[in-house]
Amino acid sequence: KELDLGRVFLLGIPEGVLRRIEVERLKLDTLYMTNIPHAIQRMTNTTHLHLSGGGRGLVEFPSAVAGLPNMTFLDLFGNLNMTSFPPGICAHLKRLQTLKMMACKVKLLPCDFSEMKQLQHLDVRGNPVDN
């Protein structure tokens, strides 16, 4: 099951809606969203999450994704306001195989990247990464 809201410019997502959605693939355009509600953690069947920023978007790495135990693919392309990772997030992303963070403003990658043992593809092009 897939829900594509990639061209729908939402200001936010009502938590009641997230409680009712059961999809494996979710695509959201975060152009006008600054964060992802923690209710997204109830979507435990989600394996692919696309949170494209379109030039603005999220102000921080969405810590709510730590509650998605089956997530294997995370796309955060173009969230230009996102500059860092929350501490310890990598320990919760054990099944993540692909992390796309092109064109964000991340300066420092977390030192616990080794926690993501299944990570095969990391794309941080267009970030001012120091390490």
Protein backbone atom coordinates (compact mmCIF):
# COMPACT_ATOMS: atom_id res chain seq x y z
CA LYS A 1 0.00 0.00 0.00
CA GLU A 2 1.23 3.47 -0.88
CA LEU A 3 0.05 6.97 -0.04
CA ASP A 4 1.52 9.71 -2.21
CA LEU A 5 0.96 13.24 -0.92
CA GLY A 6 4.07 14.47 -2.71
CA ARG A 7 2.35 17.30 -4.54
CA VAL A 8 -0.01 18.22 -1.72
CA PHE A 9 1.45 21.15 0.21
CA LEU A 10 0.37 20.48 3.77
CA LEU A 11 1.04 22.74 6.75
CA GLY A 12 0.84 19.72 9.00
CA ILE A 13 -0.80 16.35 9.44
CA PRO A 14 -3.58 15.87 11.97
CA GLU A 15 -2.56 13.14 14.42
CA GLY A 16 -5.97 11.50 14.06
CA VAL A 17 -5.26 10.91 10.38
CA LEU A 18 -1.93 9.25 11.13
CA ARG A 19 -3.63 6.84 13.52
CA ARG A 20 -5.77 5.52 10.67
CA ILE A 21 -3.21 5.20 7.90
CA GLU A 22 -1.63 1.80 7.30
CA VAL A 23 0.80 2.05 4.40
CA GLU A 24 4.18 0.61 3.53
CA ARG A 25 5.20 3.66 1.49
CA LEU A 26 4.42 7.24 2.47
CA LYS A 27 5.42 10.27 0.43
CA LEU A 28 4.97 13.76 1.88
CA ASP A 29 6.09 17.14 0.63
CA THR A 30 7.41 18.99 3.67
CA LEU A 31 7.76 22.39 1.96
CA TYR A 32 5.46 24.06 4.50
CA MET A 33 6.01 21.66 7.41
CA THR A 34 8.71 22.28 10.01
CA ASN A 35 8.36 18.96 11.83
CA ILE A 36 6.73 15.54 11.60
CA PRO A 37 4.20 14.66 14.33
CA HIS A 38 5.17 11.88 16.71
CA ALA A 39 1.94 10.08 15.80
CA ILE A 40 3.76 8.87 12.69
CA GLN A 41 5.25 6.23 15.00
CA ARG A 42 1.91 4.43 14.89
CA MET A 43 2.57 3.62 11.23
CA THR A 44 4.70 0.60 12.14
CA ASN A 45 4.24 -1.10 8.73
CA THR A 46 5.91 1.79 6.91
CA THR A 47 9.12 0.73 5.15
CA HIS A 48 9.65 3.70 2.78
CA LEU A 49 9.31 7.30 3.89
CA HIS A 50 9.83 10.24 1.52
CA LEU A 51 9.93 13.65 3.22
CA SER A 52 11.10 16.00 0.46
CA GLY A 53 11.57 19.60 1.52
CA GLY A 54 11.41 21.38 -1.79
CA GLY A 55 13.82 24.05 -0.61
CA ARG A 56 12.65 24.67 2.95
CA GLY A 57 10.94 21.98 4.94
CA LEU A 58 11.94 20.32 8.16
CA VAL A 59 14.09 22.20 10.67
CA GLU A 60 15.55 19.05 12.21
CA PHE A 61 15.96 15.38 11.46
CA PRO A 62 12.55 13.86 12.30
CA SER A 63 13.14 11.96 15.55
CA ALA A 64 9.66 10.45 15.20
CA VAL A 65 11.05 8.08 12.56
CA ALA A 66 12.83 6.23 15.38
CA GLY A 67 9.46 4.62 16.11
CA LEU A 68 9.21 3.03 12.66
CA PRO A 69 10.84 -0.37 13.26
CA ASN A 70 10.44 -1.63 9.67
CA MET A 71 11.73 1.44 7.84
CA THR A 72 14.38 0.57 5.26
CA PHE A 73 14.30 3.74 3.10
CA LEU A 74 14.31 7.39 4.21
CA ASP A 75 14.48 10.30 1.78
CA LEU A 76 14.95 13.80 3.26
CA PHE A 77 16.00 15.56 0.04
CA GLY A 78 15.92 19.36 0.03
CA ASN A 79 15.11 20.11 3.66
CA LEU A 80 17.34 23.18 3.65
CA ASN A 81 16.66 24.09 7.28
CA MET A 82 17.81 20.71 8.62
CA THR A 83 21.32 20.99 10.04
CA SER A 84 21.80 18.06 12.42
CA PHE A 85 20.75 14.65 13.71
CA PRO A 86 19.18 14.09 17.13
CA PRO A 87 21.55 12.32 19.55
CA GLY A 88 21.25 8.53 19.48
CA ILE A 89 18.89 8.38 16.47
CA CYS A 90 21.06 5.89 14.57
CA ALA A 91 20.52 3.21 17.23
CA HIS A 92 16.81 3.26 16.34
CA LEU A 93 17.33 2.93 12.59
CA LYS A 94 18.74 -0.59 12.61
CA ARG A 95 16.90 -1.76 9.46
CA LEU A 96 17.59 1.37 7.43
CA GLN A 97 19.28 0.47 4.14
CA THR A 98 19.02 3.79 2.27
CA LEU A 99 19.32 7.32 3.65
CA LYS A 100 19.07 10.17 1.15
CA MET A 101 19.80 13.63 2.51
CA MET A 102 20.88 15.53 -0.59
CA ALA A 103 20.73 19.32 -0.46
CA CYS A 104 20.14 19.75 3.25
CA LYS A 105 22.40 21.83 5.52
CA VAL A 106 23.86 19.03 7.63
CA LYS A 107 27.34 19.95 8.83
CA LEU A 108 28.12 17.02 11.07
CA LEU A 109 27.22 13.35 10.65
CA PRO A 110 26.49 11.46 13.87
CA CYS A 111 29.34 9.41 15.28
CA ASP A 112 26.98 6.47 15.87
CA PHE A 113 26.41 5.79 12.14
CA SER A 114 27.91 2.35 12.76
CA GLU A 115 24.68 1.47 14.64
CA MET A 116 22.91 1.32 11.26
CA LYS A 117 24.37 -2.06 10.35
CA GLN A 118 22.16 -2.56 7.28
CA LEU A 119 22.86 0.87 5.74
CA GLN A 120 24.00 0.30 2.14
CA HIS A 121 23.37 3.67 0.51
CA LEU A 122 24.08 7.08 2.07
CA ASP A 123 23.72 10.19 -0.07
CA VAL A 124 24.67 13.49 1.56
CA ARG A 125 25.62 15.39 -1.61
CA GLY A 126 25.09 19.13 -1.36
CA ASN A 127 25.63 19.27 2.41
CA PRO A 128 28.45 21.22 4.07
CA VAL A 129 29.59 18.10 5.96
CA ASP A 130 32.74 18.69 8.03
CA ASN A 131 33.63 15.13 9.01
